[in-house]
Amino acid sequence: MKNAALLILLLPFLLQSCYSYKTINLGKTDLVEGKKYKVMQDNKLKKVSLVTTNDSIATFKNGKVQNQIPISELKDIKIRKFSVIKTIALIPMIYAIGTSVYLLSSLSNINKAGN
């Protein structure tokens, strides 16, 4: 039971992405076609890929659906960046968690055998 609870608590850490999203200022940064973004529109955050853009409208693809969104309606836009630090930290973290789970299960089995 302890192992299952531990795995449930640690699962979000294991499933973290090697990518980060950085907020960009549309006035200073151009949108790049083909890049992945998180877009806030109508109080909903969507992960999308940019298909095309012009001065007033951006066309985003979410799955197989393409949506044209006026740039003036975009409340927040974040670009996806590869995070070397998260990638490097992920491997030792997985080993540490795996070792901890193994040690806890071994201790649990020793305690059961001793009783």
C-alpha atoms as a PDB file:
ATOM      1  CA  MET A   1       0.000   0.000   0.000  1.00  0.00           C
ATOM      2  CA  LYS A   2       2.863   2.369   0.832  1.00  0.00           C
ATOM      3  CA  ASN A   3       4.449   1.696  -2.552  1.00  0.00           C
ATOM      4  CA  ALA A   4       1.254   2.498  -4.427  1.00  0.00           C
ATOM      5  CA  ALA A   5       0.816   5.751  -2.494  1.00  0.00           C
ATOM      6  CA  LEU A   6       4.434   6.677  -3.139  1.00  0.00           C
ATOM      7  CA  LEU A   7       4.106   6.005  -6.853  1.00  0.00           C
ATOM      8  CA  ILE A   8       0.943   8.083  -7.052  1.00  0.00           C
ATOM      9  CA  LEU A   9       2.701  10.984  -5.326  1.00  0.00           C
ATOM     10  CA  LEU A  10       5.790  10.740  -7.519  1.00  0.00           C
ATOM     11  CA  LEU A  11       4.028  10.158 -10.843  1.00  0.00           C
ATOM     12  CA  PRO A  12       3.622  13.874 -11.682  1.00  0.00           C
ATOM     13  CA  PHE A  13       7.376  14.336 -11.328  1.00  0.00           C
ATOM     14  CA  LEU A  14       8.068  11.429 -13.643  1.00  0.00           C
ATOM     15  CA  LEU A  15       5.733  12.750 -16.310  1.00  0.00           C
ATOM     16  CA  GLN A  16       7.154  16.250 -16.478  1.00  0.00           C
ATOM     17  CA  SER A  17       8.184  17.352 -19.912  1.00  0.00           C
ATOM     18  CA  CYS A  18      11.672  18.291 -21.053  1.00  0.00           C
ATOM     19  CA  TYR A  19      10.131  21.467 -22.444  1.00  0.00           C
ATOM     20  CA  SER A  20       9.298  24.778 -20.821  1.00  0.00           C
ATOM     21  CA  TYR A  21       6.964  27.495 -22.031  1.00  0.00           C
ATOM     22  CA  LYS A  22       8.235  31.086 -21.950  1.00  0.00           C
ATOM     23  CA  THR A  23       5.856  34.043 -22.203  1.00  0.00           C
ATOM     24  CA  ILE A  24       6.605  36.235 -25.192  1.00  0.00           C
ATOM     25  CA  ASN A  25       5.729  39.823 -26.029  1.00  0.00           C
ATOM     26  CA  LEU A  26       4.061  39.955 -29.449  1.00  0.00           C
ATOM     27  CA  GLY A  27       5.276  43.529 -29.952  1.00  0.00           C
ATOM     28  CA  LYS A  28       8.927  42.502 -29.679  1.00  0.00           C
ATOM     29  CA  THR A  29       8.917  38.884 -30.864  1.00  0.00           C
ATOM     30  CA  ASP A  30       7.690  37.500 -34.163  1.00  0.00           C
ATOM     31  CA  LEU A  31       5.666  34.298 -34.260  1.00  0.00           C
ATOM     32  CA  VAL A  32       7.456  31.494 -36.075  1.00  0.00           C
ATOM     33  CA  GLU A  33       5.469  29.137 -38.285  1.00  0.00           C
ATOM     34  CA  GLY A  34       5.722  25.499 -37.239  1.00  0.00           C
ATOM     35  CA  LYS A  35       6.640  26.287 -33.615  1.00  0.00           C
ATOM     36  CA  LYS A  36       4.479  25.097 -30.724  1.00  0.00           C
ATOM     37  CA  TYR A  37       2.803  27.611 -28.436  1.00  0.00           C
ATOM     38  CA  LYS A  38       0.424  27.799 -25.505  1.00  0.00           C
ATOM     39  CA  VAL A  39      -2.263  30.347 -26.323  1.00  0.00           C
ATOM     40  CA  MET A  40      -4.702  31.931 -23.861  1.00  0.00           C
ATOM     41  CA  GLN A  41      -7.997  32.776 -25.516  1.00  0.00           C
ATOM     42  CA  ASP A  42     -11.397  33.101 -23.835  1.00  0.00           C
ATOM     43  CA  ASN A  43      -9.792  32.117 -20.494  1.00  0.00           C
ATOM     44  CA  LYS A  44      -8.707  28.757 -21.938  1.00  0.00           C
ATOM     45  CA  LEU A  45      -5.103  27.710 -22.375  1.00  0.00           C
ATOM     46  CA  LYS A  46      -4.521  25.654 -25.515  1.00  0.00           C
ATOM     47  CA  LYS A  47      -1.400  23.895 -26.807  1.00  0.00           C
ATOM     48  CA  VAL A  48      -1.234  24.678 -30.513  1.00  0.00           C
ATOM     49  CA  SER A  49       1.126  24.804 -33.470  1.00  0.00           C
ATOM     50  CA  LEU A  50       1.345  27.945 -35.612  1.00  0.00           C
ATOM     51  CA  VAL A  51       0.435  27.372 -39.265  1.00  0.00           C
ATOM     52  CA  THR A  52       0.451  30.905 -40.704  1.00  0.00           C
ATOM     53  CA  THR A  53       0.349  34.473 -39.468  1.00  0.00           C
ATOM     54  CA  ASN A  54      -0.046  37.993 -40.803  1.00  0.00           C
ATOM     55  CA  ASP A  55      -0.387  41.406 -39.149  1.00  0.00           C
ATOM     56  CA  SER A  56      -3.827  40.769 -37.663  1.00  0.00           C
ATOM     57  CA  ILE A  57      -4.665  37.025 -37.761  1.00  0.00           C
ATOM     58  CA  ALA A  58      -2.796  33.909 -36.707  1.00  0.00           C
ATOM     59  CA  THR A  59      -3.841  30.430 -37.824  1.00  0.00           C
ATOM     60  CA  PHE A  60      -3.157  27.764 -35.232  1.00  0.00           C
ATOM     61  CA  LYS A  61      -3.521  24.001 -35.506  1.00  0.00           C
ATOM     62  CA  ASN A  62      -4.772  22.034 -32.521  1.00  0.00           C
ATOM     63  CA  GLY A  63      -4.750  18.357 -33.489  1.00  0.00           C
ATOM     64  CA  LYS A  64      -6.363  18.250 -36.934  1.00  0.00           C
ATOM     65  CA  VAL A  65      -8.447  21.408 -36.397  1.00  0.00           C
ATOM     66  CA  GLN A  66      -7.200  24.778 -37.636  1.00  0.00           C
ATOM     67  CA  ASN A  67      -8.439  27.965 -35.991  1.00  0.00           C
ATOM     68  CA  GLN A  68      -7.933  31.539 -37.096  1.00  0.00           C
ATOM     69  CA  ILE A  69      -7.497  33.816 -34.110  1.00  0.00           C
ATOM     70  CA  PRO A  70      -7.191  37.595 -34.297  1.00  0.00           C
ATOM     71  CA  ILE A  71      -3.901  38.572 -32.685  1.00  0.00           C
ATOM     72  CA  SER A  72      -5.717  41.274 -30.705  1.00  0.00           C
ATOM     73  CA  GLU A  73      -7.719  38.521 -28.908  1.00  0.00           C
ATOM     74  CA  LEU A  74      -4.642  36.662 -27.702  1.00  0.00           C
ATOM     75  CA  LYS A  75      -4.339  37.430 -23.997  1.00  0.00           C
ATOM     76  CA  ASP A  76      -1.207  35.395 -23.332  1.00  0.00           C
ATOM     77  CA  ILE A  77       1.098  33.466 -25.634  1.00  0.00           C
ATOM     78  CA  LYS A  78       3.994  31.247 -24.607  1.00  0.00           C
ATOM     79  CA  ILE A  79       6.557  29.610 -26.871  1.00  0.00           C
ATOM     80  CA  ARG A  80       7.809  26.083 -26.222  1.00  0.00           C
ATOM     81  CA  LYS A  81      11.523  25.883 -25.473  1.00  0.00           C
ATOM     82  CA  PHE A  82      13.639  22.764 -24.956  1.00  0.00           C
ATOM     83  CA  SER A  83      15.023  22.736 -21.407  1.00  0.00           C
ATOM     84  CA  VAL A  84      18.449  21.133 -21.091  1.00  0.00           C
ATOM     85  CA  ILE A  85      18.331  21.449 -17.298  1.00  0.00           C
ATOM     86  CA  LYS A  86      15.033  19.552 -17.016  1.00  0.00           C
ATOM     87  CA  THR A  87      16.334  16.863 -19.348  1.00  0.00           C
ATOM     88  CA  ILE A  88      19.583  16.430 -17.427  1.00  0.00           C
ATOM     89  CA  ALA A  89      17.795  16.416 -14.059  1.00  0.00           C
ATOM     90  CA  LEU A  90      15.141  13.946 -15.207  1.00  0.00           C
ATOM     91  CA  ILE A  91      17.471  10.950 -15.609  1.00  0.00           C
ATOM     92  CA  PRO A  92      18.964  11.000 -12.075  1.00  0.00           C
ATOM     93  CA  MET A  93      15.520  11.729 -10.665  1.00  0.00           C
ATOM     94  CA  ILE A  94      14.095   8.602 -12.300  1.00  0.00           C
ATOM     95  CA  TYR A  95      16.955   6.497 -10.929  1.00  0.00           C
ATOM     96  CA  ALA A  96      16.569   7.999  -7.447  1.00  0.00           C
ATOM     97  CA  ILE A  97      12.830   7.362  -7.412  1.00  0.00           C
ATOM     98  CA  GLY A  98      13.267   3.826  -8.711  1.00  0.00           C
ATOM     99  CA  THR A  99      15.922   3.090  -6.085  1.00  0.00           C
ATOM    100  CA  SER A 100      13.724   4.560  -3.332  1.00  0.00           C
ATOM    101  CA  VAL A 101      10.751   2.451  -4.376  1.00  0.00           C
ATOM    102  CA  TYR A 102      12.938  -0.660  -4.515  1.00  0.00           C
ATOM    103  CA  LEU A 103      14.426   0.016  -1.067  1.00  0.00           C
ATOM    104  CA  LEU A 104      11.027   0.733   0.460  1.00  0.00           C
ATOM    105  CA  SER A 105       9.564  -2.452  -0.960  1.00  0.00           C
ATOM    106  CA  SER A 106      12.593  -4.433   0.275  1.00  0.00           C
ATOM    107  CA  LEU A 107      12.231  -2.973   3.770  1.00  0.00           C
ATOM    108  CA  SER A 108       8.535  -3.747   3.697  1.00  0.00           C
ATOM    109  CA  ASN A 109       9.243  -7.367   2.779  1.00  0.00           C
ATOM    110  CA  ILE A 110      11.877  -7.664   5.544  1.00  0.00           C
ATOM    111  CA  ASN A 111       9.430  -6.303   8.104  1.00  0.00           C
ATOM    112  CA  LYS A 112       6.762  -8.772   6.983  1.00  0.00           C
ATOM    113  CA  ALA A 113       9.210 -11.687   7.180  1.00  0.00           C
ATOM    114  CA  GLY A 114      10.341 -10.626  10.659  1.00  0.00           C
ATOM    115  CA  ASN A 115       6.808 -10.547  12.087  1.00  0.00           C
END
